[in-house]
């Protein structure tokens, strides 16, 4: 009878591989956005020259939470469970803000933040699933 370890499970390895492949474009896109804002801030003195004055603070929360969720994806490359939980925690914190401030039923264009939320949260779910299957 052959010894089969959980680490040799093909499905488990596939879950980890999909999570890493999915998280790379998300992390790269976030880094490009961050670099673009940093370059604008250094060259013209403002991160976003087209920003509108006097908007509510709640509109800042989803991008901030998404940044920390993507940071969780970066952490998940080394520590799958910790990074995945950080990612899912901040994605779940973003969801009520989006539902309260931008309801889906109001207009079709408000669906896009929810789609982006799913795109960012999916690798976190896979990382947590991988760690759950991998741990003894």
N, C-alpha and C. Protein backbone atom coordinates (compact mmCIF):
# COMPACT_ATOMS: atom_id res chain seq x y z
N UNK A 1 0.84 -1.17 0.00
CA UNK A 1 0.00 0.00 0.00
C UNK A 1 0.89 1.24 0.00
N UNK A 2 0.66 2.11 -0.92
CA UNK A 2 1.49 3.30 -1.07
C UNK A 2 1.03 4.39 -0.10
N UNK A 3 2.02 5.11 0.42
CA UNK A 3 1.71 6.26 1.27
C UNK A 3 1.35 7.46 0.40
N UNK A 4 0.15 7.93 0.55
CA UNK A 4 -0.29 9.10 -0.22
C UNK A 4 -0.51 10.23 0.77
N UNK A 5 0.28 11.30 0.61
CA UNK A 5 0.15 12.45 1.50
C UNK A 5 -0.82 13.44 0.90
N UNK A 6 -1.35 14.31 1.77
CA UNK A 6 -2.26 15.35 1.28
C UNK A 6 -1.53 16.34 0.39
N UNK A 7 -0.21 16.48 0.59
CA UNK A 7 0.54 17.43 -0.23
C UNK A 7 0.68 16.94 -1.66
N UNK A 8 0.50 15.65 -1.89
CA UNK A 8 0.62 15.11 -3.24
C UNK A 8 -0.71 15.10 -3.98
N UNK A 9 -1.75 15.56 -3.35
CA UNK A 9 -3.07 15.60 -3.95
C UNK A 9 -3.07 16.57 -5.13
N UNK A 10 -3.43 16.10 -6.30
CA UNK A 10 -3.40 16.95 -7.50
C UNK A 10 -4.39 18.10 -7.43
N UNK A 11 -5.55 17.86 -6.85
CA UNK A 11 -6.55 18.92 -6.75
C UNK A 11 -6.07 20.04 -5.85
N UNK A 12 -5.41 19.68 -4.76
CA UNK A 12 -4.89 20.68 -3.83
C UNK A 12 -3.83 21.54 -4.52
N UNK A 13 -2.95 20.90 -5.25
CA UNK A 13 -1.93 21.66 -5.98
C UNK A 13 -2.56 22.54 -7.05
N UNK A 14 -3.60 22.05 -7.70
CA UNK A 14 -4.28 22.83 -8.73
C UNK A 14 -4.95 24.06 -8.11
N UNK A 15 -5.55 23.90 -6.94
CA UNK A 15 -6.18 25.04 -6.27
C UNK A 15 -5.14 26.12 -5.97
N UNK A 16 -3.99 25.71 -5.46
CA UNK A 16 -2.93 26.68 -5.14
C UNK A 16 -2.42 27.36 -6.41
N UNK A 17 -2.25 26.59 -7.46
CA UNK A 17 -1.75 27.16 -8.72
C UNK A 17 -2.74 28.16 -9.30
N UNK A 18 -4.02 27.84 -9.30
CA UNK A 18 -5.04 28.76 -9.81
C UNK A 18 -5.08 30.02 -8.96
N UNK A 19 -4.99 29.87 -7.64
CA UNK A 19 -5.01 31.04 -6.75
C UNK A 19 -3.82 31.96 -7.04
N UNK A 20 -2.66 31.39 -7.24
CA UNK A 20 -1.47 32.22 -7.52
C UNK A 20 -1.55 32.86 -8.90
N UNK A 21 -1.98 32.10 -9.89
CA UNK A 21 -2.08 32.67 -11.24
C UNK A 21 -3.12 33.78 -11.27
N UNK A 22 -4.25 33.59 -10.59
CA UNK A 22 -5.31 34.60 -10.56
C UNK A 22 -4.85 35.85 -9.81
N UNK A 23 -4.07 35.68 -8.75
CA UNK A 23 -3.68 36.82 -7.94
C UNK A 23 -2.60 37.68 -8.60
N UNK A 24 -1.83 37.13 -9.50
CA UNK A 24 -0.76 37.91 -10.15
C UNK A 24 -1.31 39.11 -10.92
N UNK A 25 -2.29 38.96 -11.84
CA UNK A 25 -2.78 40.15 -12.53
C UNK A 25 -3.45 41.16 -11.60
N UNK A 26 -4.09 40.66 -10.54
CA UNK A 26 -4.73 41.57 -9.59
C UNK A 26 -3.67 42.41 -8.88
N UNK A 27 -2.60 41.77 -8.43
CA UNK A 27 -1.52 42.49 -7.74
C UNK A 27 -0.81 43.43 -8.70
N UNK A 28 -0.55 42.99 -9.92
CA UNK A 28 0.14 43.84 -10.90
C UNK A 28 -0.71 45.07 -11.24
N UNK A 29 -2.00 44.88 -11.42
CA UNK A 29 -2.89 46.01 -11.72
C UNK A 29 -2.89 47.02 -10.56
N UNK A 30 -2.95 46.51 -9.33
CA UNK A 30 -2.94 47.41 -8.17
C UNK A 30 -1.61 48.15 -8.07
N UNK A 31 -0.52 47.46 -8.36
CA UNK A 31 0.79 48.14 -8.33
C UNK A 31 0.90 49.21 -9.41
N UNK A 32 0.35 48.93 -10.60
CA UNK A 32 0.37 49.94 -11.66
C UNK A 32 -0.44 51.17 -11.26
N UNK A 33 -1.59 50.95 -10.64
CA UNK A 33 -2.40 52.08 -10.17
C UNK A 33 -1.65 52.87 -9.10
N UNK A 34 -1.02 52.18 -8.17
CA UNK A 34 -0.28 52.83 -7.10
C UNK A 34 0.91 53.61 -7.66
N UNK A 35 1.61 53.04 -8.61
CA UNK A 35 2.74 53.74 -9.24
C UNK A 35 2.25 54.96 -10.00
N UNK A 36 1.13 54.84 -10.70
CA UNK A 36 0.58 55.99 -11.43
C UNK A 36 0.23 57.14 -10.50
N UNK A 37 -0.42 56.83 -9.37
CA UNK A 37 -0.74 57.88 -8.41
C UNK A 37 0.54 58.48 -7.81
N UNK A 38 1.53 57.64 -7.52
CA UNK A 38 2.79 58.14 -6.95
C UNK A 38 3.52 59.05 -7.93
N UNK A 39 3.54 58.68 -9.20
CA UNK A 39 4.20 59.51 -10.21
C UNK A 39 3.49 60.85 -10.34
N UNK A 40 2.16 60.84 -10.36
CA UNK A 40 1.41 62.10 -10.41
C UNK A 40 1.70 62.96 -9.20
N UNK A 41 1.78 62.33 -8.04
CA UNK A 41 2.01 63.08 -6.81
C UNK A 41 3.38 63.73 -6.81
N UNK A 42 4.38 63.01 -7.33
CA UNK A 42 5.74 63.56 -7.38
C UNK A 42 5.85 64.65 -8.44
N UNK A 43 5.25 64.44 -9.60
CA UNK A 43 5.44 65.39 -10.70
C UNK A 43 4.57 66.63 -10.60
N UNK A 44 3.29 66.48 -10.25
CA UNK A 44 2.40 67.65 -10.25
C UNK A 44 1.91 68.03 -8.85
N UNK A 45 2.27 67.26 -7.84
CA UNK A 45 1.90 67.62 -6.48
C UNK A 45 0.56 67.12 -6.01
N UNK A 46 -0.19 66.43 -6.86
CA UNK A 46 -1.47 65.84 -6.48
C UNK A 46 -1.50 64.40 -6.99
N UNK A 47 -2.09 63.52 -6.18
CA UNK A 47 -2.20 62.13 -6.62
C UNK A 47 -3.23 62.02 -7.74
N UNK A 48 -4.32 62.75 -7.63
CA UNK A 48 -5.36 62.74 -8.65
C UNK A 48 -5.76 64.18 -8.96
N UNK A 49 -5.28 64.73 -10.07
CA UNK A 49 -5.58 66.12 -10.38
C UNK A 49 -7.05 66.37 -10.71
N UNK A 50 -7.81 65.33 -11.01
CA UNK A 50 -9.21 65.49 -11.38
C UNK A 50 -10.15 65.18 -10.22
N UNK A 51 -9.62 65.08 -9.01
CA UNK A 51 -10.45 64.77 -7.85
C UNK A 51 -11.42 65.91 -7.57
N UNK A 52 -12.61 65.54 -7.16
CA UNK A 52 -13.66 66.50 -6.86
C UNK A 52 -13.58 66.85 -5.38
N UNK A 53 -13.78 68.12 -5.07
CA UNK A 53 -13.76 68.55 -3.67
C UNK A 53 -15.11 68.30 -3.01
N UNK A 54 -15.08 68.03 -1.72
CA UNK A 54 -16.30 67.96 -0.93
C UNK A 54 -17.15 66.72 -1.15
N UNK A 55 -16.55 65.56 -1.37
CA UNK A 55 -17.33 64.34 -1.48
C UNK A 55 -17.28 63.59 -0.15
N UNK A 56 -18.24 62.73 0.12
CA UNK A 56 -18.28 62.06 1.43
C UNK A 56 -17.11 61.08 1.62
N UNK A 57 -16.72 60.93 2.88
CA UNK A 57 -15.59 60.06 3.21
C UNK A 57 -15.87 58.60 2.87
N UNK A 58 -17.13 58.20 2.88
CA UNK A 58 -17.47 56.81 2.62
C UNK A 58 -17.02 56.36 1.23
N UNK A 59 -16.85 57.30 0.32
CA UNK A 59 -16.38 56.94 -1.02
C UNK A 59 -14.90 56.56 -1.02
N UNK A 60 -14.18 56.89 0.03
CA UNK A 60 -12.78 56.48 0.14
C UNK A 60 -12.62 55.07 0.68
N UNK A 61 -13.60 54.57 1.37
CA UNK A 61 -13.47 53.27 2.03
C UNK A 61 -13.30 52.08 1.07
N UNK A 62 -14.10 51.94 0.01
CA UNK A 62 -13.90 50.77 -0.86
C UNK A 62 -12.50 50.69 -1.48
N UNK A 63 -11.93 51.78 -2.01
CA UNK A 63 -10.57 51.62 -2.55
C UNK A 63 -9.53 51.30 -1.47
N UNK A 64 -9.70 51.87 -0.28
CA UNK A 64 -8.76 51.58 0.80
C UNK A 64 -8.87 50.12 1.22
N UNK A 65 -10.11 49.64 1.39
CA UNK A 65 -10.31 48.24 1.76
C UNK A 65 -9.80 47.30 0.66
N UNK A 66 -10.01 47.66 -0.60
CA UNK A 66 -9.53 46.82 -1.70
C UNK A 66 -8.01 46.78 -1.73
N UNK A 67 -7.37 47.91 -1.40
CA UNK A 67 -5.90 47.93 -1.35
C UNK A 67 -5.41 46.93 -0.30
N UNK A 68 -6.03 46.95 0.88
CA UNK A 68 -5.61 46.01 1.92
C UNK A 68 -5.97 44.57 1.56
N UNK A 69 -7.05 44.37 0.82
CA UNK A 69 -7.40 43.02 0.36
C UNK A 69 -6.35 42.51 -0.62
N UNK A 70 -5.88 43.38 -1.50
CA UNK A 70 -4.84 42.98 -2.46
C UNK A 70 -3.51 42.78 -1.75
N UNK A 71 -3.26 43.56 -0.72
CA UNK A 71 -2.07 43.33 0.10
C UNK A 71 -2.14 41.94 0.74
N UNK A 72 -3.33 41.53 1.14
CA UNK A 72 -3.53 40.17 1.66
C UNK A 72 -3.20 39.11 0.63
N UNK A 73 -3.49 39.38 -0.65
CA UNK A 73 -3.11 38.42 -1.70
C UNK A 73 -1.60 38.29 -1.81
N UNK A 74 -0.90 39.40 -1.64
CA UNK A 74 0.57 39.34 -1.66
C UNK A 74 1.10 38.53 -0.48
N UNK A 75 0.50 38.70 0.68
CA UNK A 75 0.90 37.94 1.87
C UNK A 75 0.58 36.45 1.67
N UNK A 76 -0.48 36.17 0.95
CA UNK A 76 -0.91 34.78 0.74
C UNK A 76 0.09 33.98 -0.09
N UNK A 77 0.96 34.62 -0.79
CA UNK A 77 1.97 33.88 -1.53
C UNK A 77 2.92 33.16 -0.58
N UNK A 78 3.12 33.71 0.61
CA UNK A 78 4.00 33.06 1.59
C UNK A 78 3.18 32.31 2.64
N UNK A 79 2.18 32.96 3.20
CA UNK A 79 1.32 32.37 4.23
C UNK A 79 -0.09 32.36 3.69
N UNK A 80 -0.51 31.22 3.16
CA UNK A 80 -1.77 31.13 2.44
C UNK A 80 -2.98 31.47 3.31
N UNK A 81 -3.05 30.89 4.49
CA UNK A 81 -4.23 31.09 5.33
C UNK A 81 -4.32 32.53 5.83
N UNK A 82 -3.20 33.09 6.30
CA UNK A 82 -3.20 34.46 6.81
C UNK A 82 -3.56 35.45 5.72
N UNK A 83 -2.91 35.34 4.57
CA UNK A 83 -3.19 36.25 3.47
C UNK A 83 -4.60 36.10 2.93
N UNK A 84 -5.08 34.86 2.84
CA UNK A 84 -6.44 34.64 2.37
C UNK A 84 -7.48 35.20 3.32
N UNK A 85 -7.21 35.06 4.63
CA UNK A 85 -8.15 35.60 5.61
C UNK A 85 -8.14 37.12 5.60
N UNK A 86 -6.98 37.73 5.43
CA UNK A 86 -6.91 39.20 5.31
C UNK A 86 -7.69 39.64 4.08
N UNK A 87 -7.48 38.96 2.98
CA UNK A 87 -8.19 39.28 1.74
C UNK A 87 -9.69 39.18 1.93
N UNK A 88 -10.15 38.06 2.46
CA UNK A 88 -11.59 37.87 2.64
C UNK A 88 -12.18 38.83 3.66
N UNK A 89 -11.44 39.12 4.71
CA UNK A 89 -11.93 40.06 5.71
C UNK A 89 -12.17 41.45 5.14
N UNK A 90 -11.21 41.95 4.37
CA UNK A 90 -11.39 43.28 3.80
C UNK A 90 -12.41 43.29 2.66
N UNK A 91 -12.51 42.18 1.92
CA UNK A 91 -13.56 42.11 0.90
C UNK A 91 -14.95 42.08 1.54
N UNK A 92 -15.07 41.36 2.64
CA UNK A 92 -16.36 41.34 3.34
C UNK A 92 -16.67 42.68 4.00
N UNK A 93 -15.63 43.42 4.39
CA UNK A 93 -15.86 44.76 4.94
C UNK A 93 -16.27 45.74 3.84
N UNK A 94 -15.82 45.51 2.63
CA UNK A 94 -16.17 46.38 1.51
C UNK A 94 -17.62 46.17 1.07
N UNK A 95 -18.10 44.95 1.16
CA UNK A 95 -19.43 44.62 0.66
C UNK A 95 -20.55 45.46 1.26
N UNK A 96 -20.65 45.62 2.60
CA UNK A 96 -21.75 46.45 3.11
C UNK A 96 -21.64 47.92 2.71
N UNK A 97 -20.41 48.41 2.60
CA UNK A 97 -20.23 49.81 2.17
C UNK A 97 -20.77 49.98 0.75
N UNK A 98 -20.45 49.03 -0.11
CA UNK A 98 -20.95 49.11 -1.49
C UNK A 98 -22.46 48.96 -1.54
N UNK A 99 -23.01 48.04 -0.76
CA UNK A 99 -24.45 47.83 -0.78
C UNK A 99 -25.23 49.02 -0.24
N UNK A 100 -24.69 49.69 0.76
CA UNK A 100 -25.39 50.83 1.34
C UNK A 100 -25.25 52.08 0.47
N UNK A 101 -24.04 52.34 0.02
CA UNK A 101 -23.81 53.60 -0.69
C UNK A 101 -24.15 53.52 -2.18
N UNK A 102 -23.89 52.38 -2.81
CA UNK A 102 -24.18 52.21 -4.23
C UNK A 102 -25.03 50.96 -4.44
N UNK A 103 -26.33 51.05 -4.23
CA UNK A 103 -27.18 49.86 -4.40
C UNK A 103 -27.20 49.39 -5.86
N UNK A 104 -27.23 48.09 -6.03
CA UNK A 104 -27.20 47.51 -7.37
C UNK A 104 -28.46 47.87 -8.17
N UNK A 105 -29.56 47.98 -7.50
CA UNK A 105 -30.83 48.21 -8.20
C UNK A 105 -30.96 49.62 -8.76
N UNK A 106 -30.10 50.53 -8.34
CA UNK A 106 -30.22 51.92 -8.77
C UNK A 106 -29.86 52.11 -10.24
N UNK A 107 -28.73 51.56 -10.65
CA UNK A 107 -28.27 51.74 -12.02
C UNK A 107 -27.31 50.60 -12.36
N UNK A 108 -27.25 50.21 -13.62
CA UNK A 108 -26.41 49.09 -14.02
C UNK A 108 -24.92 49.39 -13.83
N UNK A 109 -24.51 50.65 -13.93
CA UNK A 109 -23.09 50.96 -13.81
C UNK A 109 -22.56 50.74 -12.40
N UNK A 110 -23.45 50.61 -11.42
CA UNK A 110 -23.02 50.35 -10.06
C UNK A 110 -22.71 48.87 -9.82
N UNK A 111 -22.88 48.03 -10.82
CA UNK A 111 -22.56 46.61 -10.71
C UNK A 111 -21.05 46.39 -10.79
N UNK A 112 -20.33 47.27 -11.46
CA UNK A 112 -18.90 47.08 -11.67
C UNK A 112 -18.09 46.96 -10.38
N UNK A 113 -18.33 47.76 -9.34
CA UNK A 113 -17.56 47.54 -8.10
C UNK A 113 -17.78 46.16 -7.50
N UNK A 114 -18.97 45.61 -7.66
CA UNK A 114 -19.25 44.27 -7.14
C UNK A 114 -18.51 43.21 -7.95
N UNK A 115 -18.42 43.39 -9.24
CA UNK A 115 -17.66 42.47 -10.09
C UNK A 115 -16.18 42.52 -9.70
N UNK A 116 -15.67 43.72 -9.49
CA UNK A 116 -14.28 43.87 -9.06
C UNK A 116 -14.05 43.21 -7.70
N UNK A 117 -15.01 43.32 -6.83
CA UNK A 117 -14.91 42.69 -5.51
C UNK A 117 -14.81 41.18 -5.64
N UNK A 118 -15.59 40.59 -6.51
CA UNK A 118 -15.55 39.14 -6.72
C UNK A 118 -14.20 38.73 -7.32
N UNK A 119 -13.70 39.53 -8.26
CA UNK A 119 -12.41 39.22 -8.88
C UNK A 119 -11.29 39.24 -7.86
N UNK A 120 -11.34 40.16 -6.92
CA UNK A 120 -10.30 40.26 -5.90
C UNK A 120 -10.49 39.20 -4.81
N UNK A 121 -11.71 38.85 -4.48
CA UNK A 121 -11.98 37.90 -3.39
C UNK A 121 -11.76 36.44 -3.78
N UNK A 122 -11.92 36.11 -5.06
CA UNK A 122 -11.85 34.72 -5.47
C UNK A 122 -10.51 34.05 -5.14
N UNK A 123 -9.35 34.69 -5.42
CA UNK A 123 -8.10 34.02 -5.03
C UNK A 123 -7.97 33.85 -3.52
N UNK A 124 -8.52 34.77 -2.74
CA UNK A 124 -8.49 34.62 -1.29
C UNK A 124 -9.25 33.38 -0.85
N UNK A 125 -10.40 33.14 -1.47
CA UNK A 125 -11.17 31.92 -1.17
C UNK A 125 -10.35 30.69 -1.53
N UNK A 126 -9.68 30.74 -2.67
CA UNK A 126 -8.86 29.59 -3.08
C UNK A 126 -7.68 29.37 -2.15
N UNK A 127 -7.03 30.44 -1.69
CA UNK A 127 -5.91 30.28 -0.76
C UNK A 127 -6.37 29.66 0.56
N UNK A 128 -7.50 30.11 1.07
CA UNK A 128 -8.02 29.55 2.33
C UNK A 128 -8.44 28.09 2.11
N UNK A 129 -9.04 27.79 0.98
CA UNK A 129 -9.42 26.41 0.67
C UNK A 129 -8.19 25.53 0.56
N UNK A 130 -7.15 26.03 -0.10
CA UNK A 130 -5.91 25.26 -0.22
C UNK A 130 -5.34 24.96 1.16
N UNK A 131 -5.29 25.97 2.00
CA UNK A 131 -4.70 25.78 3.33
C UNK A 131 -5.55 24.82 4.17
N UNK A 132 -6.85 24.89 4.00
CA UNK A 132 -7.73 23.98 4.75
C UNK A 132 -7.52 22.53 4.29
N UNK A 133 -7.35 22.32 3.00
CA UNK A 133 -7.13 20.97 2.47
C UNK A 133 -5.73 20.47 2.80
N UNK A 134 -4.76 21.37 2.86
CA UNK A 134 -3.37 21.00 3.05
C UNK A 134 -3.04 20.69 4.51
N UNK A 135 -3.65 21.42 5.44
CA UNK A 135 -3.30 21.24 6.86
C UNK A 135 -3.82 19.90 7.39
N UNK A 136 -3.04 19.28 8.27
CA UNK A 136 -3.43 17.96 8.79
C UNK A 136 -4.56 18.00 9.76
